[in-house]
Amino acid sequence: MQVVAPSYDPVHLPDEVVKELRSTARPGKGDILVKVFADAAAAFAADDMDEALRLAEQAKHIALRSVTARELLGLVYHRMGRWKEAARELAAFRRISGSTSQNPVLADAYRAMGRPDRGLELCDEIDPALEDPEVSYEGTIVAAGALADLDRLDEAIARMMTLRLDPPTAEVHHMRAWYALADLLERRGRFTQAREYFEAVAAADPDLTDAPERAARLSGH
């Protein structure tokens, strides 16, 4: 399961990001770090992962305790499928910042390494009252995937059902939740419910996923 990860606007880095980079850079390297990080963010946004990795590693070298640099480097490694390195950097981000905002991505890396138990623990740390909806929804999606990895399919479905699944306006995180739940329901043999959620995704954004095709395949059940 691909996890949605935040990206940075390389042209207009937020003031708090610039301030954090300057405050953690090695002496006299603040301006260089901001430029390197901006270029790394631009490469990440352009999906040039080799360049993003080169620059993000350079940013880390300039500011080892920068949560911003460690976060971006972890996201680059995750995008590249280098799970061990992604887990290392995102664990450092979590430790230094005290934030759980990247726990879904970190948990996804652990799932990919065959550690769904650890992924589930990380998702359980997320407090929906303290995080943006995108983070809490993503955490629930990854947690449900981890439970499914552990052959706890009914618990995975129940976990998804704790989310608000009938929002007045469907945003991407709602559609991702519908799709994940539909997939779990199909695996459980609950085909009518699965089709309904696939159809909801298809109606909201037919180009987002293969939900239209999956709904059609279930039409005979």
N, C-alpha and C. Protein backbone atom coordinates (compact mmCIF):
# COMPACT_ATOMS: atom_id res chain seq x y z
N MET A 1 0.84 -1.19 0.00
CA MET A 1 0.00 0.00 0.00
C MET A 1 0.88 1.25 0.00
N GLN A 2 0.60 2.12 -0.96
CA GLN A 2 1.39 3.35 -1.01
C GLN A 2 0.84 4.36 -0.02
N VAL A 3 1.70 4.98 0.69
CA VAL A 3 1.31 5.97 1.68
C VAL A 3 1.47 7.37 1.11
N VAL A 4 0.46 8.19 1.31
CA VAL A 4 0.56 9.58 0.88
C VAL A 4 1.53 10.30 1.80
N ALA A 5 2.50 10.97 1.22
CA ALA A 5 3.50 11.69 2.01
C ALA A 5 3.48 13.17 1.64
N PRO A 6 3.63 14.03 2.62
CA PRO A 6 3.63 15.46 2.32
C PRO A 6 4.86 15.85 1.51
N SER A 7 4.72 16.87 0.70
CA SER A 7 5.85 17.39 -0.05
C SER A 7 5.99 18.87 0.26
N TYR A 8 7.09 19.44 -0.13
CA TYR A 8 7.37 20.85 0.13
C TYR A 8 7.36 21.62 -1.18
N ASP A 9 6.88 22.85 -1.13
CA ASP A 9 6.97 23.75 -2.28
C ASP A 9 8.39 24.31 -2.28
N PRO A 10 9.23 23.89 -3.23
CA PRO A 10 10.63 24.30 -3.19
C PRO A 10 10.84 25.78 -3.45
N VAL A 11 9.85 26.44 -4.05
CA VAL A 11 9.98 27.87 -4.33
C VAL A 11 9.66 28.70 -3.10
N HIS A 12 8.71 28.22 -2.31
CA HIS A 12 8.27 28.98 -1.14
C HIS A 12 8.29 28.06 0.08
N LEU A 13 9.46 27.81 0.61
CA LEU A 13 9.54 27.01 1.83
C LEU A 13 8.88 27.78 2.98
N PRO A 14 8.09 27.10 3.79
CA PRO A 14 7.45 27.79 4.92
C PRO A 14 8.50 28.43 5.84
N ASP A 15 8.14 29.54 6.42
CA ASP A 15 9.07 30.26 7.30
C ASP A 15 9.59 29.37 8.42
N GLU A 16 8.70 28.53 8.98
CA GLU A 16 9.13 27.69 10.09
C GLU A 16 10.14 26.63 9.64
N VAL A 17 10.03 26.20 8.38
CA VAL A 17 10.99 25.24 7.84
C VAL A 17 12.36 25.90 7.68
N VAL A 18 12.37 27.10 7.11
CA VAL A 18 13.62 27.83 6.92
C VAL A 18 14.27 28.10 8.28
N LYS A 19 13.45 28.50 9.25
CA LYS A 19 13.98 28.78 10.59
C LYS A 19 14.59 27.53 11.21
N GLU A 20 13.90 26.39 11.07
CA GLU A 20 14.40 25.14 11.65
C GLU A 20 15.69 24.71 10.97
N LEU A 21 15.77 24.85 9.66
CA LEU A 21 16.99 24.48 8.94
C LEU A 21 18.16 25.35 9.40
N ARG A 22 17.95 26.65 9.47
CA ARG A 22 19.04 27.56 9.87
C ARG A 22 19.49 27.28 11.30
N SER A 23 18.55 26.94 12.17
CA SER A 23 18.90 26.76 13.58
C SER A 23 19.66 25.46 13.83
N THR A 24 19.55 24.49 12.91
CA THR A 24 20.21 23.19 13.13
C THR A 24 21.44 22.99 12.24
N ALA A 25 21.68 23.92 11.32
CA ALA A 25 22.81 23.78 10.41
C ALA A 25 24.14 23.95 11.14
N ARG A 26 25.16 23.33 10.61
CA ARG A 26 26.50 23.55 11.13
C ARG A 26 26.84 25.03 10.99
N PRO A 27 27.70 25.57 11.86
CA PRO A 27 28.00 27.01 11.84
C PRO A 27 28.38 27.50 10.44
N GLY A 28 27.73 28.57 10.03
CA GLY A 28 28.03 29.19 8.74
C GLY A 28 27.43 28.49 7.54
N LYS A 29 26.63 27.42 7.78
CA LYS A 29 26.09 26.63 6.66
C LYS A 29 24.59 26.81 6.47
N GLY A 30 24.00 27.78 7.17
CA GLY A 30 22.54 27.95 7.11
C GLY A 30 22.02 28.21 5.71
N ASP A 31 22.63 29.17 5.01
CA ASP A 31 22.17 29.50 3.66
C ASP A 31 22.34 28.33 2.71
N ILE A 32 23.47 27.64 2.83
CA ILE A 32 23.72 26.48 1.96
C ILE A 32 22.68 25.40 2.23
N LEU A 33 22.36 25.16 3.50
CA LEU A 33 21.40 24.13 3.84
C LEU A 33 20.02 24.44 3.25
N VAL A 34 19.58 25.68 3.38
CA VAL A 34 18.27 26.05 2.83
C VAL A 34 18.24 25.81 1.32
N LYS A 35 19.30 26.17 0.63
CA LYS A 35 19.36 25.96 -0.82
C LYS A 35 19.38 24.47 -1.17
N VAL A 36 20.18 23.71 -0.46
CA VAL A 36 20.27 22.26 -0.73
C VAL A 36 18.92 21.60 -0.46
N PHE A 37 18.30 21.97 0.66
CA PHE A 37 17.02 21.36 1.00
C PHE A 37 15.96 21.73 -0.04
N ALA A 38 15.93 23.00 -0.46
CA ALA A 38 14.95 23.42 -1.48
C ALA A 38 15.15 22.63 -2.77
N ASP A 39 16.40 22.42 -3.17
CA ASP A 39 16.68 21.66 -4.38
C ASP A 39 16.27 20.19 -4.21
N ALA A 40 16.49 19.65 -3.01
CA ALA A 40 16.08 18.27 -2.73
C ALA A 40 14.56 18.14 -2.80
N ALA A 41 13.86 19.14 -2.24
CA ALA A 41 12.40 19.12 -2.29
C ALA A 41 11.90 19.23 -3.72
N ALA A 42 12.58 20.04 -4.54
CA ALA A 42 12.20 20.17 -5.94
C ALA A 42 12.38 18.85 -6.68
N ALA A 43 13.48 18.17 -6.42
CA ALA A 43 13.74 16.88 -7.06
C ALA A 43 12.70 15.85 -6.61
N PHE A 44 12.35 15.88 -5.33
CA PHE A 44 11.34 14.96 -4.80
C PHE A 44 9.99 15.21 -5.49
N ALA A 45 9.63 16.48 -5.61
CA ALA A 45 8.35 16.83 -6.25
C ALA A 45 8.34 16.42 -7.71
N ALA A 46 9.52 16.46 -8.35
CA ALA A 46 9.62 16.09 -9.77
C ALA A 46 9.82 14.58 -9.96
N ASP A 47 9.81 13.84 -8.85
CA ASP A 47 9.99 12.38 -8.88
C ASP A 47 11.36 11.97 -9.40
N ASP A 48 12.35 12.84 -9.20
CA ASP A 48 13.74 12.51 -9.53
C ASP A 48 14.40 12.04 -8.24
N MET A 49 14.18 10.77 -7.93
CA MET A 49 14.58 10.26 -6.62
C MET A 49 16.09 10.16 -6.45
N ASP A 50 16.82 9.90 -7.52
CA ASP A 50 18.28 9.83 -7.39
C ASP A 50 18.85 11.18 -6.97
N GLU A 51 18.37 12.24 -7.61
CA GLU A 51 18.84 13.58 -7.25
C GLU A 51 18.33 13.99 -5.88
N ALA A 52 17.08 13.65 -5.59
CA ALA A 52 16.52 13.96 -4.28
C ALA A 52 17.32 13.28 -3.18
N LEU A 53 17.72 12.04 -3.42
CA LEU A 53 18.50 11.30 -2.42
C LEU A 53 19.87 11.94 -2.21
N ARG A 54 20.52 12.29 -3.31
CA ARG A 54 21.86 12.90 -3.20
C ARG A 54 21.79 14.19 -2.38
N LEU A 55 20.82 15.02 -2.67
CA LEU A 55 20.71 16.31 -1.99
C LEU A 55 20.20 16.17 -0.56
N ALA A 56 19.26 15.25 -0.34
CA ALA A 56 18.74 15.07 1.01
C ALA A 56 19.81 14.49 1.94
N GLU A 57 20.65 13.60 1.41
CA GLU A 57 21.77 13.10 2.21
C GLU A 57 22.75 14.23 2.54
N GLN A 58 22.96 15.14 1.58
CA GLN A 58 23.83 16.28 1.82
C GLN A 58 23.24 17.18 2.91
N ALA A 59 21.92 17.39 2.85
CA ALA A 59 21.25 18.21 3.86
C ALA A 59 21.40 17.57 5.25
N LYS A 60 21.24 16.27 5.31
CA LYS A 60 21.42 15.58 6.59
C LYS A 60 22.84 15.78 7.12
N HIS A 61 23.82 15.70 6.25
CA HIS A 61 25.22 15.86 6.66
C HIS A 61 25.47 17.26 7.23
N ILE A 62 24.79 18.26 6.66
CA ILE A 62 24.97 19.64 7.13
C ILE A 62 24.25 19.86 8.46
N ALA A 63 23.13 19.16 8.66
CA ALA A 63 22.32 19.36 9.88
C ALA A 63 21.77 18.03 10.35
N LEU A 64 22.56 17.30 11.10
CA LEU A 64 22.21 15.95 11.51
C LEU A 64 20.94 15.91 12.35
N ARG A 65 20.68 16.96 13.11
CA ARG A 65 19.51 16.98 13.99
C ARG A 65 18.36 17.81 13.44
N SER A 66 18.37 18.07 12.16
CA SER A 66 17.25 18.77 11.54
C SER A 66 16.11 17.79 11.30
N VAL A 67 14.98 18.03 11.94
CA VAL A 67 13.84 17.14 11.73
C VAL A 67 13.34 17.25 10.29
N THR A 68 13.45 18.44 9.72
CA THR A 68 12.98 18.66 8.35
C THR A 68 13.81 17.86 7.36
N ALA A 69 15.13 17.90 7.53
CA ALA A 69 16.01 17.17 6.63
C ALA A 69 15.84 15.66 6.79
N ARG A 70 15.74 15.19 8.03
CA ARG A 70 15.59 13.75 8.26
C ARG A 70 14.24 13.25 7.74
N GLU A 71 13.21 14.08 7.88
CA GLU A 71 11.88 13.70 7.37
C GLU A 71 11.92 13.52 5.85
N LEU A 72 12.46 14.52 5.15
CA LEU A 72 12.49 14.43 3.70
C LEU A 72 13.33 13.26 3.23
N LEU A 73 14.47 13.03 3.87
CA LEU A 73 15.32 11.91 3.49
C LEU A 73 14.58 10.59 3.68
N GLY A 74 13.85 10.47 4.78
CA GLY A 74 13.06 9.26 5.01
C GLY A 74 12.00 9.05 3.96
N LEU A 75 11.36 10.14 3.54
CA LEU A 75 10.32 10.03 2.51
C LEU A 75 10.92 9.64 1.16
N VAL A 76 12.12 10.15 0.88
CA VAL A 76 12.80 9.77 -0.37
C VAL A 76 13.10 8.27 -0.36
N TYR A 77 13.68 7.80 0.73
CA TYR A 77 13.99 6.37 0.83
C TYR A 77 12.71 5.53 0.70
N HIS A 78 11.64 5.99 1.33
CA HIS A 78 10.38 5.25 1.24
C HIS A 78 9.89 5.19 -0.20
N ARG A 79 9.94 6.31 -0.88
CA ARG A 79 9.50 6.35 -2.29
C ARG A 79 10.34 5.40 -3.14
N MET A 80 11.59 5.23 -2.78
CA MET A 80 12.49 4.36 -3.54
C MET A 80 12.36 2.89 -3.16
N GLY A 81 11.56 2.61 -2.14
CA GLY A 81 11.41 1.23 -1.69
C GLY A 81 12.58 0.73 -0.88
N ARG A 82 13.38 1.63 -0.34
CA ARG A 82 14.51 1.25 0.50
C ARG A 82 14.04 1.33 1.95
N TRP A 83 13.38 0.26 2.37
CA TRP A 83 12.60 0.29 3.60
C TRP A 83 13.45 0.46 4.85
N LYS A 84 14.57 -0.22 4.92
CA LYS A 84 15.41 -0.14 6.12
C LYS A 84 15.92 1.28 6.34
N GLU A 85 16.40 1.91 5.26
CA GLU A 85 16.89 3.29 5.38
C GLU A 85 15.74 4.25 5.69
N ALA A 86 14.58 4.02 5.07
CA ALA A 86 13.41 4.86 5.36
C ALA A 86 13.04 4.78 6.83
N ALA A 87 13.04 3.55 7.37
CA ALA A 87 12.70 3.37 8.78
C ALA A 87 13.71 4.07 9.68
N ARG A 88 14.98 3.99 9.32
CA ARG A 88 16.02 4.64 10.12
C ARG A 88 15.81 6.15 10.18
N GLU A 89 15.58 6.77 9.04
CA GLU A 89 15.45 8.22 9.01
C GLU A 89 14.15 8.70 9.62
N LEU A 90 13.05 7.99 9.35
CA LEU A 90 11.77 8.42 9.90
C LEU A 90 11.69 8.14 11.39
N ALA A 91 12.41 7.12 11.87
CA ALA A 91 12.49 6.90 13.32
C ALA A 91 13.27 8.04 13.97
N ALA A 92 14.31 8.52 13.28
CA ALA A 92 15.06 9.67 13.80
C ALA A 92 14.18 10.91 13.83
N PHE A 93 13.40 11.12 12.77
CA PHE A 93 12.46 12.25 12.75
C PHE A 93 11.49 12.16 13.92
N ARG A 94 10.94 10.97 14.15
CA ARG A 94 9.98 10.77 15.24
C ARG A 94 10.64 11.02 16.59
N ARG A 95 11.86 10.54 16.76
CA ARG A 95 12.56 10.67 18.04
C ARG A 95 12.91 12.13 18.33
N ILE A 96 13.44 12.83 17.33
CA ILE A 96 13.90 14.20 17.55
C ILE A 96 12.73 15.17 17.68
N SER A 97 11.70 14.97 16.85
CA SER A 97 10.59 15.92 16.82
C SER A 97 9.52 15.62 17.86
N GLY A 98 9.40 14.35 18.26
CA GLY A 98 8.30 13.96 19.14
C GLY A 98 6.97 13.88 18.42
N SER A 99 6.99 13.99 17.09
CA SER A 99 5.77 14.00 16.29
C SER A 99 5.43 12.61 15.77
N THR A 100 4.14 12.32 15.67
CA THR A 100 3.69 11.07 15.06
C THR A 100 3.19 11.27 13.63
N SER A 101 3.46 12.44 13.05
CA SER A 101 2.88 12.76 11.74
C SER A 101 3.38 11.84 10.62
N GLN A 102 4.57 11.26 10.79
CA GLN A 102 5.07 10.33 9.77
C GLN A 102 4.98 8.87 10.23
N ASN A 103 4.28 8.62 11.32
CA ASN A 103 4.13 7.24 11.77
C ASN A 103 3.48 6.33 10.73
N PRO A 104 2.50 6.81 9.94
CA PRO A 104 1.95 5.91 8.92
C PRO A 104 2.99 5.47 7.89
N VAL A 105 3.86 6.38 7.49
CA VAL A 105 4.89 6.03 6.51
C VAL A 105 5.92 5.10 7.15
N LEU A 106 6.31 5.40 8.39
CA LEU A 106 7.24 4.54 9.11
C LEU A 106 6.64 3.15 9.30
N ALA A 107 5.37 3.10 9.65
CA ALA A 107 4.69 1.81 9.83
C ALA A 107 4.63 1.04 8.52
N ASP A 108 4.41 1.75 7.43
CA ASP A 108 4.36 1.10 6.12
C ASP A 108 5.71 0.47 5.78
N ALA A 109 6.79 1.16 6.14
CA ALA A 109 8.13 0.60 5.91
C ALA A 109 8.32 -0.68 6.71
N TYR A 110 7.87 -0.68 7.95
CA TYR A 110 7.99 -1.89 8.76
C TYR A 110 7.14 -3.03 8.18
N ARG A 111 5.95 -2.71 7.68
CA ARG A 111 5.14 -3.75 7.02
C ARG A 111 5.90 -4.34 5.84
N ALA A 112 6.53 -3.48 5.06
CA ALA A 112 7.26 -3.95 3.89
C ALA A 112 8.46 -4.82 4.27
N MET A 113 8.98 -4.62 5.47
CA MET A 113 10.10 -5.43 5.96
C MET A 113 9.63 -6.69 6.68
N GLY A 114 8.32 -6.95 6.63
CA GLY A 114 7.80 -8.14 7.29
C GLY A 114 7.59 -7.98 8.77
N ARG A 115 7.41 -6.72 9.24
CA ARG A 115 7.19 -6.45 10.66
C ARG A 115 5.85 -5.75 10.88
N PRO A 116 4.74 -6.40 10.50
CA PRO A 116 3.44 -5.74 10.69
C PRO A 116 3.12 -5.46 12.15
N ASP A 117 3.69 -6.27 13.06
CA ASP A 117 3.45 -6.04 14.48
C ASP A 117 3.99 -4.68 14.91
N ARG A 118 5.19 -4.35 14.45
CA ARG A 118 5.78 -3.05 14.77
C ARG A 118 5.01 -1.93 14.07
N GLY A 119 4.58 -2.19 12.85
CA GLY A 119 3.77 -1.20 12.14
C GLY A 119 2.49 -0.88 12.88
N LEU A 120 1.86 -1.91 13.43
CA LEU A 120 0.63 -1.71 14.19
C LEU A 120 0.88 -0.88 15.44
N GLU A 121 1.98 -1.14 16.12
CA GLU A 121 2.32 -0.35 17.32
C GLU A 121 2.47 1.12 16.98
N LEU A 122 3.12 1.41 15.87
CA LEU A 122 3.34 2.81 15.47
C LEU A 122 2.03 3.49 15.12
N CYS A 123 1.13 2.77 14.49
CA CYS A 123 -0.18 3.35 14.16
C CYS A 123 -0.99 3.61 15.42
N ASP A 124 -0.83 2.73 16.41
CA ASP A 124 -1.57 2.90 17.66
C ASP A 124 -1.12 4.14 18.44
N GLU A 125 0.07 4.65 18.13
CA GLU A 125 0.57 5.86 18.80
C GLU A 125 -0.15 7.13 18.33
N ILE A 126 -0.79 7.07 17.17
CA ILE A 126 -1.39 8.27 16.57
C ILE A 126 -2.67 8.63 17.30
N ASP A 127 -2.76 9.86 17.76
CA ASP A 127 -3.96 10.37 18.42
C ASP A 127 -4.73 11.21 17.40
N PRO A 128 -5.91 10.74 16.95
CA PRO A 128 -6.66 11.49 15.94
C PRO A 128 -6.98 12.92 16.37
N ALA A 129 -7.06 13.14 17.67
CA ALA A 129 -7.38 14.49 18.15
C ALA A 129 -6.21 15.45 17.98
N LEU A 130 -5.00 14.90 17.80
CA LEU A 130 -3.81 15.75 17.72
C LEU A 130 -3.23 15.83 16.30
N GLU A 131 -3.70 14.99 15.39
CA GLU A 131 -3.15 14.96 14.05
C GLU A 131 -4.18 15.41 13.02
N ASP A 132 -3.70 15.82 11.85
CA ASP A 132 -4.60 16.16 10.75
C ASP A 132 -5.37 14.91 10.33
N PRO A 133 -6.57 15.09 9.77
CA PRO A 133 -7.34 13.92 9.34
C PRO A 133 -6.58 13.03 8.36
N GLU A 134 -5.78 13.64 7.48
CA GLU A 134 -5.04 12.83 6.51
C GLU A 134 -4.12 11.84 7.22
N VAL A 135 -3.48 12.29 8.31
CA VAL A 135 -2.56 11.43 9.05
C VAL A 135 -3.32 10.34 9.80
N SER A 136 -4.40 10.71 10.47
CA SER A 136 -5.14 9.71 11.26
C SER A 136 -5.80 8.68 10.34
N TYR A 137 -6.34 9.12 9.22
CA TYR A 137 -6.92 8.17 8.26
C TYR A 137 -5.85 7.24 7.71
N GLU A 138 -4.70 7.82 7.34
CA GLU A 138 -3.63 7.00 6.78
C GLU A 138 -3.13 6.00 7.82
N GLY A 139 -3.04 6.44 9.07
CA GLY A 139 -2.64 5.53 10.13
C GLY A 139 -3.59 4.36 10.28
N THR A 140 -4.89 4.64 10.17
CA THR A 140 -5.88 3.57 10.27
C THR A 140 -5.78 2.62 9.08
N ILE A 141 -5.56 3.16 7.89
CA ILE A 141 -5.42 2.33 6.69
C ILE A 141 -4.22 1.39 6.83
N VAL A 142 -3.09 1.94 7.26
CA VAL A 142 -1.88 1.12 7.42
C VAL A 142 -2.06 0.10 8.54
N ALA A 143 -2.71 0.52 9.63
CA ALA A 143 -2.97 -0.41 10.74
C ALA A 143 -3.84 -1.57 10.27
N ALA A 144 -4.87 -1.27 9.49
CA ALA A 144 -5.73 -2.33 8.97
C ALA A 144 -4.94 -3.27 8.07
N GLY A 145 -4.04 -2.71 7.27
CA GLY A 145 -3.20 -3.55 6.43
C GLY A 145 -2.30 -4.45 7.26
N ALA A 146 -1.77 -3.91 8.36
CA ALA A 146 -0.92 -4.71 9.25
C ALA A 146 -1.71 -5.84 9.89
N LEU A 147 -2.94 -5.54 10.31
CA LEU A 147 -3.79 -6.59 10.88
C LEU A 147 -4.09 -7.68 9.85
N ALA A 148 -4.33 -7.26 8.61
CA ALA A 148 -4.56 -8.24 7.55
C ALA A 148 -3.31 -9.09 7.32
N ASP A 149 -2.13 -8.45 7.40
CA ASP A 149 -0.87 -9.20 7.27
C ASP A 149 -0.78 -10.30 8.33
N LEU A 150 -1.36 -10.02 9.50
CA LEU A 150 -1.31 -10.95 10.62
C LEU A 150 -2.49 -11.92 10.61
N ASP A 151 -3.21 -11.97 9.46
CA ASP A 151 -4.38 -12.84 9.30
C ASP A 151 -5.50 -12.51 10.28
N ARG A 152 -5.60 -11.24 10.62
CA ARG A 152 -6.66 -10.76 11.52
C ARG A 152 -7.61 -9.87 10.70
N LEU A 153 -8.23 -10.49 9.69
CA LEU A 153 -8.99 -9.74 8.69
C LEU A 153 -10.22 -9.07 9.29
N ASP A 154 -10.94 -9.78 10.17
CA ASP A 154 -12.12 -9.17 10.78
C ASP A 154 -11.74 -7.95 11.63
N GLU A 155 -10.61 -8.04 12.33
CA GLU A 155 -10.14 -6.89 13.11
C GLU A 155 -9.73 -5.74 12.18
N ALA A 156 -9.16 -6.08 11.03
CA ALA A 156 -8.77 -5.04 10.07
C ALA A 156 -10.00 -4.29 9.58
N ILE A 157 -11.06 -5.03 9.26
CA ILE A 157 -12.30 -4.39 8.81
C ILE A 157 -12.90 -3.54 9.91
N ALA A 158 -12.92 -4.08 11.13
CA ALA A 158 -13.46 -3.31 12.25
C ALA A 158 -12.66 -2.04 12.48
N ARG A 159 -11.36 -2.11 12.30
CA ARG A 159 -10.51 -0.92 12.47
C ARG A 159 -10.91 0.14 11.45
N MET A 160 -11.12 -0.25 10.22
CA MET A 160 -11.52 0.71 9.18
C MET A 160 -12.89 1.32 9.49
N MET A 161 -13.76 0.53 10.09
CA MET A 161 -15.11 1.01 10.39
C MET A 161 -15.14 2.07 11.48
N THR A 162 -14.02 2.27 12.16
CA THR A 162 -13.97 3.33 13.18
C THR A 162 -13.84 4.72 12.55
N LEU A 163 -13.50 4.77 11.27
CA LEU A 163 -13.37 6.04 10.58
C LEU A 163 -14.74 6.59 10.18
N ARG A 164 -14.81 7.88 9.98
CA ARG A 164 -16.02 8.46 9.42
C ARG A 164 -15.99 8.19 7.91
N LEU A 165 -16.89 7.36 7.46
CA LEU A 165 -16.88 6.91 6.07
C LEU A 165 -17.97 7.57 5.22
N ASP A 166 -18.71 8.50 5.82
CA ASP A 166 -19.79 9.18 5.07
C ASP A 166 -19.63 10.70 5.16
N PRO A 167 -18.48 11.24 4.75
CA PRO A 167 -18.26 12.68 4.86
C PRO A 167 -19.16 13.45 3.89
N PRO A 168 -19.51 14.70 4.23
CA PRO A 168 -20.32 15.50 3.30
C PRO A 168 -19.60 15.77 1.98
N THR A 169 -18.28 15.88 2.05
CA THR A 169 -17.47 16.07 0.85
C THR A 169 -16.33 15.06 0.89
N ALA A 170 -16.20 14.29 -0.18
CA ALA A 170 -15.17 13.25 -0.22
C ALA A 170 -13.83 13.86 -0.60
N GLU A 171 -12.85 13.73 0.30
CA GLU A 171 -11.49 14.14 0.00
C GLU A 171 -10.66 12.89 -0.28
N VAL A 172 -9.40 13.11 -0.68
CA VAL A 172 -8.59 11.97 -1.10
C VAL A 172 -8.45 10.94 0.02
N HIS A 173 -8.28 11.41 1.26
CA HIS A 173 -8.10 10.43 2.34
C HIS A 173 -9.36 9.61 2.58
N HIS A 174 -10.54 10.19 2.30
CA HIS A 174 -11.76 9.40 2.40
C HIS A 174 -11.79 8.33 1.31
N MET A 175 -11.43 8.72 0.10
CA MET A 175 -11.45 7.77 -1.01
C MET A 175 -10.44 6.65 -0.80
N ARG A 176 -9.27 6.98 -0.25
CA ARG A 176 -8.28 5.95 0.05
C ARG A 176 -8.81 4.98 1.10
N ALA A 177 -9.54 5.51 2.08
CA ALA A 177 -10.13 4.65 3.10
C ALA A 177 -11.20 3.74 2.50
N TRP A 178 -12.05 4.29 1.64
CA TRP A 178 -13.08 3.47 0.99
C TRP A 178 -12.44 2.34 0.19
N TYR A 179 -11.38 2.68 -0.54
CA TYR A 179 -10.73 1.67 -1.38
C TYR A 179 -10.12 0.57 -0.52
N ALA A 180 -9.42 0.97 0.54
CA ALA A 180 -8.78 -0.01 1.42
C ALA A 180 -9.83 -0.91 2.07
N LEU A 181 -10.93 -0.31 2.51
CA LEU A 181 -12.00 -1.10 3.13
C LEU A 181 -12.63 -2.04 2.11
N ALA A 182 -12.86 -1.56 0.90
CA ALA A 182 -13.43 -2.41 -0.14
C ALA A 182 -12.55 -3.61 -0.41
N ASP A 183 -11.25 -3.38 -0.46
CA ASP A 183 -10.31 -4.47 -0.70
C ASP A 183 -10.39 -5.52 0.42
N LEU A 184 -10.46 -5.07 1.66
CA LEU A 184 -10.56 -5.99 2.78
C LEU A 184 -11.88 -6.76 2.75
N LEU A 185 -12.97 -6.06 2.43
CA LEU A 185 -14.28 -6.71 2.37
C LEU A 185 -14.32 -7.76 1.27
N GLU A 186 -13.69 -7.46 0.13
CA GLU A 186 -13.65 -8.44 -0.95
C GLU A 186 -12.87 -9.68 -0.51
N ARG A 187 -11.75 -9.46 0.16
CA ARG A 187 -10.95 -10.59 0.64
C ARG A 187 -11.72 -11.43 1.65
N ARG A 188 -12.65 -10.81 2.36
CA ARG A 188 -13.45 -11.52 3.37
C ARG A 188 -14.67 -12.18 2.74
N GLY A 189 -14.90 -11.92 1.46
CA GLY A 189 -16.06 -12.52 0.79
C GLY A 189 -17.33 -11.71 0.93
N ARG A 190 -17.22 -10.51 1.42
CA ARG A 190 -18.39 -9.62 1.57
C ARG A 190 -18.49 -8.76 0.31
N PHE A 191 -18.88 -9.40 -0.78
CA PHE A 191 -18.74 -8.80 -2.11
C PHE A 191 -19.68 -7.62 -2.35
N THR A 192 -20.91 -7.69 -1.83
CA THR A 192 -21.85 -6.59 -2.05
C THR A 192 -21.36 -5.31 -1.40
N GLN A 193 -20.90 -5.41 -0.16
CA GLN A 193 -20.36 -4.23 0.52
C GLN A 193 -19.09 -3.73 -0.17
N ALA A 194 -18.25 -4.66 -0.57
CA ALA A 194 -17.02 -4.27 -1.27
C ALA A 194 -17.34 -3.49 -2.53
N ARG A 195 -18.31 -3.99 -3.30
CA ARG A 195 -18.68 -3.30 -4.55
C ARG A 195 -19.18 -1.89 -4.27
N GLU A 196 -19.96 -1.73 -3.20
CA GLU A 196 -20.50 -0.41 -2.88
C GLU A 196 -19.39 0.60 -2.59
N TYR A 197 -18.36 0.16 -1.88
CA TYR A 197 -17.25 1.09 -1.58
C TYR A 197 -16.39 1.35 -2.82
N PHE A 198 -16.17 0.32 -3.64
CA PHE A 198 -15.45 0.56 -4.89
C PHE A 198 -16.24 1.54 -5.77
N GLU A 199 -17.55 1.38 -5.81
CA GLU A 199 -18.39 2.29 -6.60
C GLU A 199 -18.33 3.71 -6.05
N ALA A 200 -18.23 3.85 -4.74
CA ALA A 200 -18.13 5.18 -4.14
C ALA A 200 -16.84 5.87 -4.57
N VAL A 201 -15.74 5.11 -4.59
CA VAL A 201 -14.46 5.67 -5.05
C VAL A 201 -14.57 6.05 -6.52
N ALA A 202 -15.14 5.16 -7.33
CA ALA A 202 -15.26 5.41 -8.76
C ALA A 202 -16.12 6.63 -9.05
N ALA A 203 -17.18 6.82 -8.26
CA ALA A 203 -18.06 7.97 -8.47
C ALA A 203 -17.38 9.27 -8.08
N ALA A 204 -16.57 9.22 -7.02
CA ALA A 204 -15.91 10.43 -6.55
C ALA A 204 -14.76 10.85 -7.46
N ASP A 205 -14.00 9.87 -7.95
CA ASP A 205 -12.87 10.17 -8.84
C ASP A 205 -12.55 8.90 -9.64
N PRO A 206 -13.11 8.76 -10.83
CA PRO A 206 -12.93 7.52 -11.59
C PRO A 206 -11.50 7.25 -12.04
N ASP A 207 -10.66 8.27 -11.99
CA ASP A 207 -9.28 8.10 -12.45
C ASP A 207 -8.28 7.89 -11.33
N LEU A 208 -8.76 7.91 -10.09
CA LEU A 208 -7.83 7.83 -8.95
C LEU A 208 -7.23 6.44 -8.80
N THR A 209 -8.05 5.42 -8.97
CA THR A 209 -7.62 4.04 -8.77
C THR A 209 -8.27 3.15 -9.83
N ASP A 210 -8.12 1.84 -9.65
CA ASP A 210 -8.80 0.88 -10.53
C ASP A 210 -10.16 0.49 -9.96
N ALA A 211 -10.72 1.33 -9.09
CA ALA A 211 -12.00 1.02 -8.46
C ALA A 211 -13.12 0.75 -9.47
N PRO A 212 -13.23 1.49 -10.58
CA PRO A 212 -14.30 1.17 -11.53
C PRO A 212 -14.22 -0.26 -12.04
N GLU A 213 -13.00 -0.72 -12.36
CA GLU A 213 -12.83 -2.08 -12.86
C GLU A 213 -13.14 -3.12 -11.77
N ARG A 214 -12.71 -2.83 -10.56
CA ARG A 214 -12.95 -3.79 -9.47
C ARG A 214 -14.42 -3.86 -9.11
N ALA A 215 -15.12 -2.72 -9.17
CA ALA A 215 -16.55 -2.72 -8.92
C ALA A 215 -17.28 -3.53 -9.99
N ALA A 216 -16.84 -3.36 -11.24
CA ALA A 216 -17.48 -4.08 -12.35
C ALA A 216 -17.29 -5.59 -12.20
N ARG A 217 -16.10 -6.00 -11.76
CA ARG A 217 -15.83 -7.44 -11.60
C ARG A 217 -16.71 -8.05 -10.51
N LEU A 218 -17.14 -7.23 -9.56
CA LEU A 218 -17.96 -7.74 -8.46
C LEU A 218 -19.45 -7.63 -8.74
N SER A 219 -19.81 -7.10 -9.89
CA SER A 219 -21.23 -6.85 -10.18
C SER A 219 -22.06 -8.12 -10.24
N GLY A 220 -21.42 -9.25 -10.50
CA GLY A 220 -22.16 -10.50 -10.58
C GLY A 220 -22.37 -11.18 -9.26
N HIS A 221 -21.78 -10.64 -8.20
CA HIS A 221 -21.91 -11.29 -6.88
C HIS A 221 -23.12 -10.76 -6.13
